[in-house]
Amino acid sequence: MNQNKILTLGQLKASGYVSRSVKDEIRSNLVKALKENTPRFDGIIGYEDSVIPDTERALLSRHNILFLGLRGQAKTRMARQMVNLLDEYIPVIAGSEINDDPLNPISKHARELVVQLGDDTPIHWLHRSERYGEKLATPDVSVADLIGDIDPIKAANLRLSFADEGVIHYGIIPRSNRGIFVINELPDLQARIQVSLFNILEEGDIQIRGFKLRMPLDILFVFTANPEDYTNRGSIVTPLKDRIESQILTHYPKSLEHSLAITEQEADVLEEQISRVHVSDLVRKLIEQVAFEARNNEYVDKKSGVSARLTISAYENAVSAAERRAIMNSEAHTQVWMGDLAGIIPSLTGKIELVYEGEQEGPFQVAMNLLDKAVRSQFVQYFPNPETMKKRRSTGKESMREEENPYRPITRWFDAGKHLDMPFNTTDKEKEIKLYEVDGLHALVKKYFPKAGTRDTVLLMEFVLHGLAAYSMISKKMTENKIEFKDLIGSMVNLGTTVEDDDDFDSEDN
């Protein structure tokens, strides 16, 4: 239909245009997209077999929808992408505050205009991007904000009685007529405000301060909420929840691959950073693993959730940490080293809610423990499990050969009283020289990754040290400007402990 040529009600009628409700419109366009197998929800990763099919079934059923899930689960993004299922343009009566359908006007202004001008009533074409309304539920939201109120100033200026429909100031919901309206964090809306939505959902009309007005609105409602039993801020009143036909449960990425794809898609990294800083697959996986560890950690509040924004921010900080070091050292190129991951701590402490025990431990220490757990989990994907070596020693197999314990040359080097200091701001070349000082470290990496290039080899060498520390085979201490690696016994002696005090320690000579 040529919108540029249809500018009046008479021309619209002559074109054969047929009005349909917004839910029928979305359903029709979704059916077409399914038949043609065209994308419906771009950039939504990990929901292909769960949330997206549930959402499409709800839209085909012409249901209002409640997305129920923890923070950072793309609930609002799903709602916003439904706009793409609307017709590109629809006709509305020019000047209408509530997007009146020219063939079925419902506001006083539109009805009177049609009576006055007839087929000459001017038509305006509304793009689908303008047919979306969104409101974050907060305790101060009022019925007037959402639905509307009587405007005494308008009544005075127009010299109208308060009984006249023309004195109404419409809220954001009527102004979203013939479109999609989203209320985010629905439980935060006061119960009395939630009650005001009953008639809109059930009957499709509005009531304003007892005003005798029936206005059948045409809206697809989408609500988002955290599970109501997971929050102390409020809940969804039962009658309102009963009126929302489809409740769809969202979730965090179920696999590391999905999590990696989300971070790669969402991370805001500049081209100059990309050209200067290389980020290996190992580092990417470690950052994602931190979120998986946090979601299962006893110190982290599971009811609050761990947003996907955590790994996005952490990735950006890791790149910036490497970039800062390279700039200070006048290096044109570098990579994100294991030591640079200390720079992601601020991204963790600001995005995880701790239980009481976690608060006692302290957010910084919890974040460090999560990073160590991530290293521990990923280490066994690259190298033999150090726990196996410990179990062999505990069963009395004292004559374990070096080929059976590939870490023996490394731990022996530290057992001889040697230590390795890795300053955060050291150059790549200096770091490489320091890592080659440790006996057996390069040989171990080459044994398991013989085809690795120089850059990856050195990173894996550093990774081995962090992995052995995570498995308590050597000690690691992080200060403000460096990371120190030492033997485990010497470190415990310096702390005033003995071997017998540490239940997790297994001596190599035991």
Protein backbone atom coordinates (compact mmCIF):
# COMPACT_ATOMS: atom_id res chain seq x y z
CA MET A 1 0.00 0.00 0.00
CA ASN A 2 1.42 3.39 -1.01
CA GLN A 3 1.30 5.53 2.13
CA ASN A 4 2.34 8.68 0.25
CA LYS A 5 -0.85 8.62 -1.85
CA ILE A 6 -3.36 7.75 0.90
CA LEU A 7 -3.78 10.89 2.98
CA THR A 8 -7.52 10.97 3.75
CA LEU A 9 -10.14 8.64 5.16
CA GLY A 10 -11.87 8.45 1.79
CA GLN A 11 -8.69 7.35 0.02
CA LEU A 12 -8.11 4.73 2.73
CA LYS A 13 -11.58 3.27 2.25
CA ALA A 14 -11.10 3.22 -1.53
CA SER A 15 -7.82 1.32 -1.17
CA GLY A 16 -9.62 -1.62 0.43
CA TYR A 17 -7.71 -1.33 3.72
CA VAL A 18 -9.04 -3.65 6.43
CA SER A 19 -8.39 -2.94 10.11
CA ARG A 20 -7.16 -5.73 12.38
CA SER A 21 -6.15 -5.86 16.01
CA VAL A 22 -2.50 -5.60 16.99
CA LYS A 23 -2.50 -9.23 18.20
CA ASP A 24 -3.96 -10.44 14.90
CA GLU A 25 -1.40 -8.31 13.07
CA ILE A 26 1.50 -9.85 15.00
CA ARG A 27 0.07 -13.34 14.58
CA SER A 28 -0.26 -12.92 10.80
CA ASN A 29 3.28 -11.59 10.42
CA LEU A 30 4.67 -14.33 12.68
CA VAL A 31 2.93 -17.03 10.61
CA LYS A 32 4.51 -15.57 7.50
CA ALA A 33 7.97 -15.43 9.14
CA LEU A 34 7.66 -19.06 10.30
CA LYS A 35 6.66 -20.22 6.82
CA GLU A 36 9.59 -18.39 5.23
CA ASN A 37 11.94 -19.32 8.09
CA THR A 38 13.08 -15.71 8.47
CA PRO A 39 14.64 -14.49 11.76
CA ARG A 40 12.13 -13.41 14.38
CA PHE A 41 14.38 -12.53 17.33
CA ASP A 42 17.82 -11.42 16.15
CA GLY A 43 20.70 -11.43 18.63
CA ILE A 44 18.90 -13.61 21.18
CA ILE A 45 21.36 -16.43 21.91
CA GLY A 46 20.60 -19.61 23.83
CA TYR A 47 16.80 -19.35 23.68
CA GLU A 48 16.36 -21.16 20.35
CA ASP A 49 14.85 -24.27 21.95
CA SER A 50 13.21 -22.76 25.01
CA VAL A 51 12.11 -19.13 25.38
CA ILE A 52 11.69 -18.26 21.70
CA PRO A 53 9.36 -21.22 20.90
CA ASP A 54 7.34 -20.44 24.05
CA THR A 55 7.07 -16.79 23.02
CA GLU A 56 6.02 -17.65 19.48
CA ARG A 57 3.34 -20.02 20.76
CA ALA A 58 2.02 -17.25 23.02
CA LEU A 59 1.93 -14.75 20.14
CA LEU A 60 0.16 -17.23 17.88
CA SER A 61 -2.42 -17.64 20.66
CA ARG A 62 -2.74 -13.81 20.85
CA HIS A 63 -1.78 -13.81 24.50
CA ASN A 64 -0.47 -11.12 26.78
CA ILE A 65 2.90 -12.29 28.10
CA LEU A 66 4.83 -12.32 31.37
CA PHE A 67 8.58 -13.00 31.12
CA LEU A 68 9.64 -14.40 34.47
CA GLY A 69 13.35 -14.66 35.23
CA LEU A 70 16.39 -13.27 36.98
CA ARG A 71 18.19 -10.11 35.94
CA GLY A 72 20.22 -10.04 32.76
CA GLN A 73 18.19 -12.71 30.94
CA ALA A 74 17.19 -10.60 27.90
CA LYS A 75 13.55 -10.23 28.98
CA THR A 76 13.24 -6.63 27.82
CA ARG A 77 15.18 -7.33 24.64
CA MET A 78 12.71 -10.07 23.74
CA ALA A 79 9.84 -7.65 24.25
CA ARG A 80 11.44 -4.90 22.18
CA GLN A 81 12.06 -7.23 19.28
CA MET A 82 8.34 -8.00 18.98
CA VAL A 83 8.03 -4.62 17.27
CA ASN A 84 9.55 -6.27 14.18
CA LEU A 85 6.43 -8.43 13.90
CA LEU A 86 4.19 -5.38 13.48
CA ASP A 87 3.19 -4.03 10.07
CA GLU A 88 5.71 -1.47 8.88
CA TYR A 89 3.06 1.29 8.77
CA ILE A 90 -0.54 1.64 9.93
CA PRO A 91 -2.97 4.53 9.32
CA VAL A 92 -4.09 6.73 12.23
CA ILE A 93 -6.27 9.80 12.37
CA ALA A 94 -4.01 12.85 12.23
CA GLY A 95 -3.69 14.59 15.58
CA SER A 96 -4.97 11.64 17.62
CA GLU A 97 -3.31 11.19 20.99
CA ILE A 98 -4.12 7.48 21.11
CA ASN A 99 -3.44 6.36 17.53
CA ASP A 100 -7.12 6.12 16.57
CA ASP A 101 -7.96 3.70 13.79
CA PRO A 102 -9.56 5.80 11.00
CA LEU A 103 -12.13 3.05 10.40
CA ASN A 104 -12.96 2.64 14.09
CA PRO A 105 -12.17 5.82 16.07
CA ILE A 106 -12.58 5.61 19.86
CA SER A 107 -11.45 8.98 21.25
CA LYS A 108 -13.75 12.01 21.35
CA HIS A 109 -11.34 14.05 19.21
CA ALA A 110 -11.24 11.40 16.47
CA ARG A 111 -14.97 10.71 16.49
CA GLU A 112 -15.84 14.37 16.21
CA LEU A 113 -13.26 14.91 13.47
CA VAL A 114 -14.73 12.10 11.37
CA VAL A 115 -18.25 13.50 11.85
CA GLN A 116 -17.04 16.98 10.89
CA LEU A 117 -14.83 16.13 7.88
CA GLY A 118 -16.10 12.74 6.77
CA ASP A 119 -13.98 11.23 3.98
CA ASP A 120 -11.74 14.31 4.09
CA THR A 121 -10.48 13.37 7.56
CA PRO A 122 -6.67 13.57 7.36
CA ILE A 123 -4.70 10.35 7.78
CA HIS A 124 -1.22 9.96 9.23
CA TRP A 125 0.89 6.82 8.72
CA LEU A 126 2.57 5.53 11.89
CA HIS A 127 5.80 3.51 11.67
CA ARG A 128 6.09 0.38 13.80
CA SER A 129 9.02 1.88 15.74
CA GLU A 130 6.55 4.43 17.16
CA ARG A 131 4.14 1.76 18.33
CA TYR A 132 6.10 0.64 21.36
CA GLY A 133 5.67 1.91 24.90
CA GLU A 134 7.72 0.92 27.94
CA LYS A 135 7.59 1.79 31.61
CA LEU A 136 9.86 0.69 34.43
CA ALA A 137 7.72 -0.08 37.45
CA THR A 138 8.79 1.92 40.47
CA PRO A 139 6.95 2.57 43.75
CA ASP A 140 6.16 6.15 42.71
CA VAL A 141 4.29 5.18 39.51
CA SER A 142 0.66 6.33 39.73
CA VAL A 143 -2.58 5.39 38.03
CA ALA A 144 -2.48 8.78 36.32
CA ASP A 145 0.95 7.96 34.84
CA LEU A 146 -0.26 4.68 33.37
CA ILE A 147 -3.91 5.29 32.51
CA GLY A 148 -4.66 8.98 32.81
CA ASP A 149 -6.39 11.62 34.89
CA ILE A 150 -8.68 14.61 34.70
CA ASP A 151 -6.69 17.70 33.75
CA PRO A 152 -8.18 20.77 35.51
CA ILE A 153 -5.94 23.19 33.60
CA LYS A 154 -7.13 21.71 30.31
CA ALA A 155 -10.74 22.02 31.49
CA ALA A 156 -10.23 25.66 32.44
CA ASN A 157 -8.49 26.60 29.19
CA LEU A 158 -11.12 24.90 27.02
CA ARG A 159 -13.98 25.94 29.35
CA LEU A 160 -15.16 22.38 29.62
CA SER A 161 -17.07 20.65 32.39
CA PHE A 162 -15.28 17.93 34.32
CA ALA A 163 -17.97 15.64 32.93
CA ASP A 164 -16.67 16.24 29.43
CA GLU A 165 -14.38 13.58 27.94
CA GLY A 166 -12.22 16.34 26.50
CA VAL A 167 -10.73 17.13 29.93
CA ILE A 168 -8.95 13.78 30.15
CA HIS A 169 -5.17 13.65 30.00
CA TYR A 170 -4.27 10.18 28.72
CA GLY A 171 -1.56 8.13 30.38
CA ILE A 172 1.16 6.11 28.70
CA ILE A 173 -1.03 3.00 28.21
CA PRO A 174 -3.80 4.68 26.14
CA ARG A 175 -1.09 6.48 24.17
CA SER A 176 0.28 3.02 23.27
CA ASN A 177 -3.05 2.02 21.71
CA ARG A 178 -2.64 -0.24 18.65
CA GLY A 179 0.88 -1.13 19.73
CA ILE A 180 2.96 -3.02 22.28
CA PHE A 181 3.24 -1.86 25.88
CA VAL A 182 5.82 -3.24 28.32
CA ILE A 183 5.96 -2.90 32.09
CA ASN A 184 9.36 -3.92 33.42
CA GLU A 185 9.79 -5.32 36.94
CA LEU A 186 6.04 -5.67 37.51
CA PRO A 187 6.36 -6.75 41.20
CA ASP A 188 7.76 -3.29 42.02
CA LEU A 189 4.41 -1.76 41.03
CA GLN A 190 2.25 -1.10 44.08
CA ALA A 191 -0.63 -3.54 44.48
CA ARG A 192 -3.29 -0.81 44.12
CA ILE A 193 -1.68 0.25 40.82
CA GLN A 194 -1.64 -3.35 39.58
CA VAL A 195 -5.35 -3.54 40.33
CA SER A 196 -5.96 -0.65 37.92
CA LEU A 197 -4.77 -2.88 35.08
CA PHE A 198 -7.50 -5.49 35.60
CA ASN A 199 -10.07 -3.94 33.26
CA ILE A 200 -7.53 -3.18 30.57
CA LEU A 201 -6.42 -6.81 30.40
CA GLU A 202 -9.83 -8.42 30.80
CA GLU A 203 -12.15 -6.00 28.98
CA GLY A 204 -9.67 -3.95 26.96
CA ASP A 205 -11.09 -0.67 28.26
CA ILE A 206 -10.06 2.01 30.75
CA GLN A 207 -11.72 3.82 33.67
CA ILE A 208 -10.48 7.18 34.92
CA ARG A 209 -11.57 8.40 38.36
CA GLY A 210 -15.02 6.88 37.94
CA PHE A 211 -15.45 8.72 34.65
CA LYS A 212 -18.21 7.17 32.58
CA LEU A 213 -15.99 6.22 29.70
CA ARG A 214 -15.55 3.07 27.71
CA MET A 215 -12.49 3.06 25.51
CA PRO A 216 -11.67 -0.39 24.08
CA LEU A 217 -7.91 -0.23 23.76
CA ASP A 218 -6.03 -2.51 21.38
CA ILE A 219 -2.70 -3.39 23.02
CA LEU A 220 -0.36 -6.35 23.35
CA PHE A 221 0.88 -6.27 26.95
CA VAL A 222 4.26 -7.69 27.88
CA PHE A 223 5.40 -7.77 31.50
CA THR A 224 8.77 -8.70 32.96
CA ALA A 225 9.49 -9.76 36.53
CA ASN A 226 11.86 -11.60 38.78
CA PRO A 227 10.23 -14.68 40.30
CA GLU A 228 7.98 -13.20 42.97
CA ASP A 229 9.23 -15.50 45.70
CA TYR A 230 12.79 -14.39 44.89
CA THR A 231 12.28 -10.74 45.81
CA ASN A 232 11.41 -8.86 48.96
CA ARG A 233 10.33 -5.80 47.00
CA GLY A 234 6.85 -7.01 46.12
CA SER A 235 4.85 -9.54 44.18
CA ILE A 236 2.33 -9.75 41.38
CA VAL A 237 -1.21 -9.69 42.74
CA THR A 238 -2.92 -12.97 41.99
CA PRO A 239 -5.90 -11.64 39.98
CA LEU A 240 -3.55 -9.73 37.67
CA LYS A 241 -1.31 -12.74 37.20
CA ASP A 242 -4.43 -14.77 36.35
CA ARG A 243 -5.27 -12.31 33.56
CA ILE A 244 -1.87 -12.67 31.87
CA GLU A 245 -2.41 -15.65 29.61
CA SER A 246 1.18 -16.85 29.05
CA GLN A 247 3.97 -16.91 31.62
CA ILE A 248 7.36 -17.68 30.06
CA LEU A 249 10.39 -18.64 32.13
CA THR A 250 13.73 -17.24 30.99
CA HIS A 251 17.16 -18.56 31.97
CA TYR A 252 20.88 -17.90 31.85
CA PRO A 253 23.06 -19.41 29.09
CA LYS A 254 23.16 -23.16 29.57
CA SER A 255 26.50 -23.66 27.84
CA LEU A 256 29.84 -21.91 27.75
CA GLU A 257 29.53 -21.58 23.96
CA HIS A 258 26.30 -19.59 24.25
CA SER A 259 27.81 -17.42 26.95
CA LEU A 260 30.88 -16.75 24.78
CA ALA A 261 28.68 -15.78 21.83
CA ILE A 262 26.64 -13.36 23.95
CA THR A 263 29.74 -11.61 25.29
CA GLU A 264 31.31 -11.37 21.84
CA GLN A 265 28.10 -9.86 20.50
CA GLU A 266 27.53 -7.39 23.32
CA ALA A 267 31.01 -6.30 24.44
CA ASP A 268 31.76 -2.72 23.44
CA VAL A 269 35.44 -2.91 22.46
CA LEU A 270 36.94 -0.20 20.27
CA GLU A 271 38.75 -0.92 17.02
CA GLU A 272 41.95 0.57 18.41
CA GLN A 273 41.74 -1.86 21.32
CA ILE A 274 41.12 -4.80 18.99
CA SER A 275 44.15 -3.86 16.88
CA ARG A 276 46.41 -3.57 19.93
CA VAL A 277 45.14 -6.36 22.22
CA HIS A 278 44.72 -10.04 21.35
CA VAL A 279 42.29 -12.05 23.47
CA SER A 280 42.86 -15.80 23.35
CA ASP A 281 40.11 -18.41 23.53
CA LEU A 282 41.54 -19.48 26.87
CA VAL A 283 41.03 -16.04 28.42
CA ARG A 284 37.55 -15.75 26.92
CA LYS A 285 36.55 -19.09 28.45
CA LEU A 286 37.98 -18.16 31.84
CA ILE A 287 35.93 -14.97 31.94
CA GLU A 288 32.73 -16.84 31.06
CA GLN A 289 33.54 -19.57 33.56
CA VAL A 290 33.59 -16.95 36.34
CA ALA A 291 29.87 -16.34 35.79
CA PHE A 292 29.09 -20.07 35.85
CA GLU A 293 31.04 -20.40 39.11
CA ALA A 294 29.25 -17.40 40.62
CA ARG A 295 25.81 -18.84 39.85
CA ASN A 296 26.67 -21.93 41.88
CA ASN A 297 28.77 -20.34 44.62
CA GLU A 298 27.65 -20.62 48.22
CA TYR A 299 28.62 -17.00 48.93
CA VAL A 300 26.54 -15.55 46.07
CA ASP A 301 22.82 -14.94 46.44
CA LYS A 302 21.21 -17.26 43.89
CA LYS A 303 17.88 -15.50 44.25
CA SER A 304 19.41 -12.31 42.93
CA GLY A 305 21.10 -14.01 40.00
CA VAL A 306 24.29 -13.23 38.10
CA SER A 307 23.59 -11.13 35.04
CA ALA A 308 25.14 -11.77 31.64
CA ARG A 309 26.32 -8.18 31.96
CA LEU A 310 28.95 -9.41 34.42
CA THR A 311 30.99 -11.22 31.77
CA ILE A 312 30.47 -8.43 29.25
CA SER A 313 31.90 -5.86 31.68
CA ALA A 314 34.65 -8.26 32.75
CA TYR A 315 35.70 -8.84 29.14
CA GLU A 316 35.86 -5.10 28.48
CA ASN A 317 37.93 -4.57 31.64
CA ALA A 318 40.33 -7.38 30.73
CA VAL A 319 40.98 -5.81 27.32
CA SER A 320 41.44 -2.39 28.93
CA ALA A 321 43.86 -3.80 31.52
CA ALA A 322 46.04 -5.21 28.74
CA GLU A 323 45.71 -2.00 26.72
CA ARG A 324 46.76 0.16 29.67
CA ARG A 325 49.83 -1.99 30.29
CA ALA A 326 50.79 -1.89 26.62
CA ILE A 327 50.44 1.89 26.49
CA MET A 328 52.59 2.34 29.58
CA ASN A 329 55.24 0.03 28.12
CA SER A 330 55.06 1.59 24.64
CA GLU A 331 54.11 -1.76 23.11
CA ALA A 332 52.25 -1.72 19.82
CA HIS A 333 50.74 -5.17 20.40
CA THR A 334 50.04 -7.37 23.39
CA GLN A 335 47.59 -9.98 24.62
CA VAL A 336 45.46 -10.39 27.71
CA TRP A 337 47.67 -12.29 30.15
CA MET A 338 46.48 -14.23 33.17
CA GLY A 339 47.76 -11.40 35.36
CA ASP A 340 45.49 -8.95 33.52
CA LEU A 341 42.46 -10.83 34.84
CA ALA A 342 43.05 -9.08 38.16
CA GLY A 343 41.58 -6.11 36.32
CA ILE A 344 38.16 -7.76 36.07
CA ILE A 345 37.64 -7.78 39.85
CA PRO A 346 35.71 -4.46 39.84
CA SER A 347 33.33 -5.96 37.29
CA LEU A 348 32.65 -8.87 39.64
CA THR A 349 32.27 -7.04 42.94
CA GLY A 350 29.71 -4.66 41.47
CA LYS A 351 27.51 -7.32 39.89
CA ILE A 352 27.16 -10.08 42.45
CA GLU A 353 24.92 -9.96 45.49
CA LEU A 354 26.36 -11.79 48.48
CA VAL A 355 24.65 -13.76 51.21
CA TYR A 356 25.61 -13.06 54.83
CA GLU A 357 28.60 -15.43 54.76
CA GLY A 358 29.81 -13.78 51.58
CA GLU A 359 29.59 -10.33 53.16
CA GLN A 360 31.70 -11.63 56.03
CA GLU A 361 34.25 -12.97 53.58
CA GLY A 362 34.29 -9.66 51.71
CA PRO A 363 33.37 -8.93 48.06
CA PHE A 364 37.00 -8.69 46.93
CA GLN A 365 37.94 -12.06 48.40
CA VAL A 366 34.80 -13.69 46.99
CA ALA A 367 35.64 -12.31 43.55
CA MET A 368 39.21 -13.64 43.82
CA ASN A 369 37.88 -17.05 44.86
CA LEU A 370 35.51 -17.09 41.86
CA LEU A 371 38.42 -16.34 39.55
CA ASP A 372 40.47 -19.14 41.12
CA LYS A 373 37.55 -21.55 40.77
CA ALA A 374 37.21 -20.60 37.11
CA VAL A 375 40.90 -21.34 36.58
CA ARG A 376 40.50 -24.64 38.40
CA SER A 377 37.50 -25.66 36.26
CA GLN A 378 39.14 -24.76 32.96
CA PHE A 379 42.58 -26.12 33.83
CA VAL A 380 41.51 -29.74 33.49
CA GLN A 381 40.23 -28.99 29.98
CA TYR A 382 43.82 -28.29 28.93
CA PHE A 383 46.08 -30.34 31.23
CA PRO A 384 45.93 -33.48 33.39
CA ASN A 385 43.96 -33.15 36.61
CA PRO A 386 46.37 -32.36 39.48
CA GLU A 387 43.95 -34.01 41.90
CA THR A 388 44.87 -37.33 40.29
CA MET A 389 48.48 -36.83 41.35
CA LYS A 390 47.41 -36.07 44.91
CA LYS A 391 45.31 -39.23 45.08
CA ARG A 392 48.19 -41.35 43.87
CA ARG A 393 50.41 -39.97 46.62
CA SER A 394 47.72 -40.50 49.24
CA THR A 395 47.47 -44.18 48.28
CA GLY A 396 51.19 -44.68 48.97
CA LYS A 397 52.52 -44.70 45.42
CA GLU A 398 55.77 -42.99 46.36
CA SER A 399 57.72 -44.07 43.27
CA MET A 400 55.61 -42.06 40.86
CA ARG A 401 57.82 -41.20 37.87
CA GLU A 402 58.00 -37.74 36.36
CA GLU A 403 56.19 -38.88 33.26
CA GLU A 404 53.31 -39.98 35.52
CA ASN A 405 53.37 -36.61 37.29
CA PRO A 406 54.07 -34.00 34.61
CA TYR A 407 54.03 -31.22 37.23
CA ARG A 408 56.89 -32.70 39.30
CA PRO A 409 59.71 -30.67 37.65
CA ILE A 410 57.78 -27.43 38.19
CA THR A 411 56.89 -28.04 41.83
CA ARG A 412 60.47 -29.25 42.49
CA TRP A 413 61.78 -25.92 41.17
CA PHE A 414 59.65 -24.05 43.70
CA ASP A 415 60.43 -26.58 46.45
CA ALA A 416 64.09 -25.64 46.06
CA GLY A 417 63.23 -22.24 47.56
CA LYS A 418 62.88 -20.38 44.29
CA HIS A 419 60.02 -18.00 43.60
CA LEU A 420 58.59 -16.07 40.68
CA ASP A 421 57.36 -12.48 40.86
CA MET A 422 55.10 -11.33 38.01
CA PRO A 423 54.53 -7.55 38.13
CA PHE A 424 51.25 -6.47 36.54
CA ASN A 425 52.91 -3.81 34.38
CA THR A 426 55.83 -5.86 33.10
CA THR A 427 56.48 -5.97 29.36
CA ASP A 428 55.57 -9.02 27.32
CA LYS A 429 59.23 -9.82 26.76
CA GLU A 430 60.10 -9.58 30.46
CA LYS A 431 57.15 -11.82 31.33
CA GLU A 432 58.28 -14.39 28.79
CA ILE A 433 61.83 -14.39 30.19
CA LYS A 434 60.53 -14.88 33.72
CA LEU A 435 58.30 -17.78 32.75
CA TYR A 436 61.16 -19.59 30.99
CA GLU A 437 63.11 -19.50 34.27
CA VAL A 438 60.79 -22.12 35.78
CA ASP A 439 62.13 -25.62 35.12
CA GLY A 440 59.78 -27.90 33.22
CA LEU A 441 57.17 -25.23 32.49
CA HIS A 442 57.88 -24.84 28.78
CA ALA A 443 58.37 -28.59 28.34
CA LEU A 444 55.00 -29.30 29.94
CA VAL A 445 53.15 -26.94 27.61
CA LYS A 446 54.93 -28.28 24.53
CA LYS A 447 54.15 -31.84 25.58
CA TYR A 448 50.40 -31.19 25.47
CA PHE A 449 50.33 -28.38 22.88
CA PRO A 450 53.19 -29.10 20.48
CA LYS A 451 51.71 -26.96 17.70
CA ALA A 452 51.02 -23.87 19.80
CA GLY A 453 52.65 -20.67 18.59
CA THR A 454 55.01 -18.60 20.71
CA ARG A 455 52.29 -16.26 22.01
CA ASP A 456 49.91 -19.06 23.00
CA THR A 457 52.72 -21.13 24.48
CA VAL A 458 53.82 -18.40 26.86
CA LEU A 459 50.22 -17.71 27.90
CA LEU A 460 49.70 -21.41 28.62
CA MET A 461 52.88 -21.40 30.69
CA GLU A 462 51.44 -18.63 32.85
CA PHE A 463 48.11 -20.49 32.96
CA VAL A 464 49.87 -23.59 34.33
CA LEU A 465 51.20 -21.61 37.28
CA HIS A 466 47.76 -20.24 38.10
CA GLY A 467 46.28 -23.71 37.69
CA LEU A 468 48.78 -25.36 40.02
CA ALA A 469 48.12 -22.62 42.57
CA ALA A 470 44.36 -23.21 42.25
CA TYR A 471 44.99 -26.89 43.01
CA SER A 472 47.26 -26.05 45.97
CA MET A 473 50.41 -27.50 44.43
CA ILE A 474 52.21 -24.16 44.67
CA SER A 475 51.24 -20.93 46.40
CA LYS A 476 50.06 -17.71 44.83
CA LYS A 477 49.81 -14.31 46.49
CA MET A 478 48.46 -11.18 44.81
CA THR A 479 49.60 -7.79 46.04
CA GLU A 480 48.78 -4.34 44.69
CA ASN A 481 51.38 -4.47 41.92
CA LYS A 482 52.33 -8.10 41.34
CA ILE A 483 51.57 -11.80 41.72
CA GLU A 484 54.05 -13.96 43.64
CA PHE A 485 54.40 -17.72 43.08
CA LYS A 486 56.24 -19.78 45.72
CA ASP A 487 56.42 -23.29 47.09
CA LEU A 488 53.54 -24.27 49.31
CA ILE A 489 55.53 -25.29 52.40
CA GLY A 490 57.60 -22.12 52.53
CA SER A 491 54.51 -20.00 52.19
CA MET A 492 52.78 -21.77 55.05
CA VAL A 493 55.85 -21.50 57.26
CA ASN A 494 55.95 -17.77 56.61
CA LEU A 495 52.33 -17.60 57.70
CA GLY A 496 53.18 -19.44 60.91
CA THR A 497 51.52 -22.72 59.96
CA THR A 498 52.79 -26.24 59.57
CA VAL A 499 52.15 -28.98 57.09
CA GLU A 500 49.99 -30.81 59.62
CA ASP A 501 47.75 -27.72 59.98
CA ASP A 502 46.64 -27.90 56.36
CA ASP A 503 44.31 -30.81 55.62
CA ASP A 504 44.40 -30.12 51.89
CA PHE A 505 48.20 -30.30 51.59
CA ASP A 506 49.86 -33.41 50.24
CA SER A 507 53.65 -33.36 50.45
CA GLU A 508 55.53 -34.59 47.39
CA ASP A 509 57.70 -36.69 49.70
CA ASN A 510 54.83 -37.97 51.78
